[in-house]
Amino acid sequence: MQQKVTVLAWVEGLYEETVYQGKRHISSLLFGELELTAAQVLEGR
């Protein structure tokens, strides 16, 4: 089983899903300066 982080964004009445894995940086409309990778979130850093 692969670990992943899923971010949902409300766009025009529907949720759009973006999946992040490994060292891919997570982007957020709400937290524009977020500098975490999926691996860091899953490791609890």
PDB file of N, CA and C in Angstrom:
ATOM      1  N   MET A   1       0.842  -1.169   0.000  1.00  0.00           N
ATOM      2  CA  MET A   1       0.000   0.000   0.000  1.00  0.00           C
ATOM      3  C   MET A   1       0.896   1.244   0.000  1.00  0.00           C
ATOM      4  N   GLN A   2       0.637   2.158  -0.893  1.00  0.00           N
ATOM      5  CA  GLN A   2       1.407   3.395  -0.955  1.00  0.00           C
ATOM      6  C   GLN A   2       0.789   4.445  -0.056  1.00  0.00           C
ATOM      7  N   GLN A   3       1.660   5.191   0.615  1.00  0.00           N
ATOM      8  CA  GLN A   3       1.173   6.293   1.434  1.00  0.00           C
ATOM      9  C   GLN A   3       1.036   7.527   0.556  1.00  0.00           C
ATOM     10  N   LYS A   4      -0.034   8.263   0.806  1.00  0.00           N
ATOM     11  CA  LYS A   4      -0.266   9.471   0.020  1.00  0.00           C
ATOM     12  C   LYS A   4      -1.048  10.476   0.848  1.00  0.00           C
ATOM     13  N   VAL A   5      -0.950  11.724   0.433  1.00  0.00           N
ATOM     14  CA  VAL A   5      -1.710  12.820   1.043  1.00  0.00           C
ATOM     15  C   VAL A   5      -2.656  13.333  -0.023  1.00  0.00           C
ATOM     16  N   THR A   6      -3.928  13.425   0.315  1.00  0.00           N
ATOM     17  CA  THR A   6      -4.922  13.919  -0.629  1.00  0.00           C
ATOM     18  C   THR A   6      -5.442  15.263  -0.136  1.00  0.00           C
ATOM     19  N   VAL A   7      -5.378  16.262  -1.016  1.00  0.00           N
ATOM     20  CA  VAL A   7      -5.869  17.602  -0.697  1.00  0.00           C
ATOM     21  C   VAL A   7      -7.092  17.864  -1.568  1.00  0.00           C
ATOM     22  N   LEU A   8      -8.170  18.307  -0.922  1.00  0.00           N
ATOM     23  CA  LEU A   8      -9.399  18.635  -1.648  1.00  0.00           C
ATOM     24  C   LEU A   8      -9.579  20.143  -1.683  1.00  0.00           C
ATOM     25  N   ALA A   9      -9.949  20.663  -2.840  1.00  0.00           N
ATOM     26  CA  ALA A   9     -10.218  22.096  -2.998  1.00  0.00           C
ATOM     27  C   ALA A   9     -11.628  22.263  -3.559  1.00  0.00           C
ATOM     28  N   TRP A  10     -12.391  23.152  -2.950  1.00  0.00           N
ATOM     29  CA  TRP A  10     -13.765  23.432  -3.388  1.00  0.00           C
ATOM     30  C   TRP A  10     -13.693  24.372  -4.587  1.00  0.00           C
ATOM     31  N   VAL A  11     -14.098  23.885  -5.769  1.00  0.00           N
ATOM     32  CA  VAL A  11     -14.018  24.672  -6.993  1.00  0.00           C
ATOM     33  C   VAL A  11     -15.365  24.593  -7.703  1.00  0.00           C
ATOM     34  N   GLU A  12     -16.031  25.726  -7.809  1.00  0.00           N
ATOM     35  CA  GLU A  12     -17.302  25.836  -8.531  1.00  0.00           C
ATOM     36  C   GLU A  12     -18.321  24.767  -8.096  1.00  0.00           C
ATOM     37  N   GLY A  13     -18.448  24.597  -6.793  1.00  0.00           N
ATOM     38  CA  GLY A  13     -19.470  23.704  -6.264  1.00  0.00           C
ATOM     39  C   GLY A  13     -19.085  22.237  -6.155  1.00  0.00           C
ATOM     40  N   LEU A  14     -17.857  21.909  -6.529  1.00  0.00           N
ATOM     41  CA  LEU A  14     -17.393  20.522  -6.443  1.00  0.00           C
ATOM     42  C   LEU A  14     -15.993  20.486  -5.837  1.00  0.00           C
ATOM     43  N   TYR A  15     -15.662  19.364  -5.231  1.00  0.00           N
ATOM     44  CA  TYR A  15     -14.310  19.193  -4.710  1.00  0.00           C
ATOM     45  C   TYR A  15     -13.406  18.659  -5.810  1.00  0.00           C
ATOM     46  N   GLU A  16     -12.220  19.266  -5.941  1.00  0.00           N
ATOM     47  CA  GLU A  16     -11.190  18.751  -6.838  1.00  0.00           C
ATOM     48  C   GLU A  16     -10.103  18.137  -5.975  1.00  0.00           C
ATOM     49  N   GLU A  17      -9.663  16.961  -6.342  1.00  0.00           N
ATOM     50  CA  GLU A  17      -8.701  16.191  -5.561  1.00  0.00           C
ATOM     51  C   GLU A  17      -7.310  16.271  -6.180  1.00  0.00           C
ATOM     52  N   THR A  18      -6.300  16.510  -5.346  1.00  0.00           N
ATOM     53  CA  THR A  18      -4.908  16.445  -5.764  1.00  0.00           C
ATOM     54  C   THR A  18      -4.200  15.492  -4.808  1.00  0.00           C
ATOM     55  N   VAL A  19      -3.484  14.526  -5.368  1.00  0.00           N
ATOM     56  CA  VAL A  19      -2.803  13.521  -4.562  1.00  0.00           C
ATOM     57  C   VAL A  19      -1.296  13.788  -4.605  1.00  0.00           C
ATOM     58  N   TYR A  20      -0.677  13.740  -3.421  1.00  0.00           N
ATOM     59  CA  TYR A  20       0.755  13.975  -3.287  1.00  0.00           C
ATOM     60  C   TYR A  20       1.398  12.750  -2.676  1.00  0.00           C
ATOM     61  N   GLN A  21       2.601  12.411  -3.181  1.00  0.00           N
ATOM     62  CA  GLN A  21       3.347  11.281  -2.649  1.00  0.00           C
ATOM     63  C   GLN A  21       4.820  11.647  -2.575  1.00  0.00           C
ATOM     64  N   GLY A  22       5.533  10.982  -1.672  1.00  0.00           N
ATOM     65  CA  GLY A  22       6.980  11.130  -1.592  1.00  0.00           C
ATOM     66  C   GLY A  22       7.442  12.544  -1.322  1.00  0.00           C
ATOM     67  N   LYS A  23       8.392  13.003  -2.125  1.00  0.00           N
ATOM     68  CA  LYS A  23       9.007  14.318  -1.910  1.00  0.00           C
ATOM     69  C   LYS A  23       8.319  15.440  -2.685  1.00  0.00           C
ATOM     70  N   ARG A  24       7.166  15.165  -3.230  1.00  0.00           N
ATOM     71  CA  ARG A  24       6.409  16.198  -3.946  1.00  0.00           C
ATOM     72  C   ARG A  24       5.867  17.213  -2.947  1.00  0.00           C
ATOM     73  N   HIS A  25       6.135  18.486  -3.192  1.00  0.00           N
ATOM     74  CA  HIS A  25       5.663  19.539  -2.288  1.00  0.00           C
ATOM     75  C   HIS A  25       4.156  19.722  -2.408  1.00  0.00           C
ATOM     76  N   ILE A  26       3.533  19.883  -1.255  1.00  0.00           N
ATOM     77  CA  ILE A  26       2.089  20.086  -1.194  1.00  0.00           C
ATOM     78  C   ILE A  26       1.800  21.560  -1.429  1.00  0.00           C
ATOM     79  N   SER A  27       0.886  21.842  -2.323  1.00  0.00           N
ATOM     80  CA  SER A  27       0.484  23.230  -2.548  1.00  0.00           C
ATOM     81  C   SER A  27      -0.926  23.429  -2.005  1.00  0.00           C
ATOM     82  N   SER A  28      -1.151  24.634  -1.470  1.00  0.00           N
ATOM     83  CA  SER A  28      -2.434  24.936  -0.845  1.00  0.00           C
ATOM     84  C   SER A  28      -2.851  26.353  -1.188  1.00  0.00           C
ATOM     85  N   LEU A  29      -4.097  26.521  -1.610  1.00  0.00           N
ATOM     86  CA  LEU A  29      -4.604  27.867  -1.874  1.00  0.00           C
ATOM     87  C   LEU A  29      -4.763  28.645  -0.573  1.00  0.00           C
ATOM     88  N   LEU A  30      -5.124  27.953   0.493  1.00  0.00           N
ATOM     89  CA  LEU A  30      -5.351  28.583   1.779  1.00  0.00           C
ATOM     90  C   LEU A  30      -4.044  28.926   2.492  1.00  0.00           C
ATOM     91  N   PHE A  31      -3.063  28.039   2.389  1.00  0.00           N
ATOM     92  CA  PHE A  31      -1.767  28.235   3.035  1.00  0.00           C
ATOM     93  C   PHE A  31      -0.706  28.333   1.948  1.00  0.00           C
ATOM     94  N   GLY A  32      -0.624  29.460   1.291  1.00  0.00           N
ATOM     95  CA  GLY A  32       0.248  29.664   0.141  1.00  0.00           C
ATOM     96  C   GLY A  32       1.724  29.457   0.408  1.00  0.00           C
ATOM     97  N   GLU A  33       2.168  29.668   1.646  1.00  0.00           N
ATOM     98  CA  GLU A  33       3.588  29.528   1.965  1.00  0.00           C
ATOM     99  C   GLU A  33       3.921  28.161   2.558  1.00  0.00           C
ATOM    100  N   LEU A  34       3.024  27.213   2.431  1.00  0.00           N
ATOM    101  CA  LEU A  34       3.234  25.867   2.949  1.00  0.00           C
ATOM    102  C   LEU A  34       4.433  25.234   2.251  1.00  0.00           C
ATOM    103  N   GLU A  35       5.367  24.702   3.026  1.00  0.00           N
ATOM    104  CA  GLU A  35       6.565  24.093   2.451  1.00  0.00           C
ATOM    105  C   GLU A  35       6.783  22.695   3.011  1.00  0.00           C
ATOM    106  N   LEU A  36       5.781  21.857   2.899  1.00  0.00           N
ATOM    107  CA  LEU A  36       5.866  20.476   3.350  1.00  0.00           C
ATOM    108  C   LEU A  36       5.750  19.534   2.166  1.00  0.00           C
ATOM    109  N   THR A  37       6.401  18.391   2.306  1.00  0.00           N
ATOM    110  CA  THR A  37       6.234  17.342   1.308  1.00  0.00           C
ATOM    111  C   THR A  37       5.276  16.302   1.877  1.00  0.00           C
ATOM    112  N   ALA A  38       4.782  15.469   1.010  1.00  0.00           N
ATOM    113  CA  ALA A  38       3.900  14.396   1.462  1.00  0.00           C
ATOM    114  C   ALA A  38       4.634  13.505   2.460  1.00  0.00           C
ATOM    115  N   ALA A  39       5.910  13.208   2.207  1.00  0.00           N
ATOM    116  CA  ALA A  39       6.694  12.353   3.098  1.00  0.00           C
ATOM    117  C   ALA A  39       6.802  12.965   4.492  1.00  0.00           C
ATOM    118  N   GLN A  40       7.003  14.274   4.581  1.00  0.00           N
ATOM    119  CA  GLN A  40       7.103  14.934   5.889  1.00  0.00           C
ATOM    120  C   GLN A  40       5.788  14.836   6.661  1.00  0.00           C
ATOM    121  N   VAL A  41       4.687  14.995   5.990  1.00  0.00           N
ATOM    122  CA  VAL A  41       3.382  14.895   6.656  1.00  0.00           C
ATOM    123  C   VAL A  41       3.181  13.477   7.177  1.00  0.00           C
ATOM    124  N   LEU A  42       3.505  12.505   6.358  1.00  0.00           N
ATOM    125  CA  LEU A  42       3.283  11.111   6.732  1.00  0.00           C
ATOM    126  C   LEU A  42       4.249  10.642   7.809  1.00  0.00           C
ATOM    127  N   GLU A  43       5.409  11.281   7.922  1.00  0.00           N
ATOM    128  CA  GLU A  43       6.373  10.956   8.971  1.00  0.00           C
ATOM    129  C   GLU A  43       6.052  11.667  10.283  1.00  0.00           C
ATOM    130  N   GLY A  44       5.151  12.624  10.231  1.00  0.00           N
ATOM    131  CA  GLY A  44       4.751  13.356  11.428  1.00  0.00           C
ATOM    132  C   GLY A  44       5.661  14.506  11.789  1.00  0.00           C
ATOM    133  N   ARG A  45       6.391  15.035  10.824  1.00  0.00           N
ATOM    134  CA  ARG A  45       7.289  16.169  11.077  1.00  0.00           C
ATOM    135  C   ARG A  45       6.558  17.468  11.121  1.00  0.00           C
TER     136      ARG A  45
END
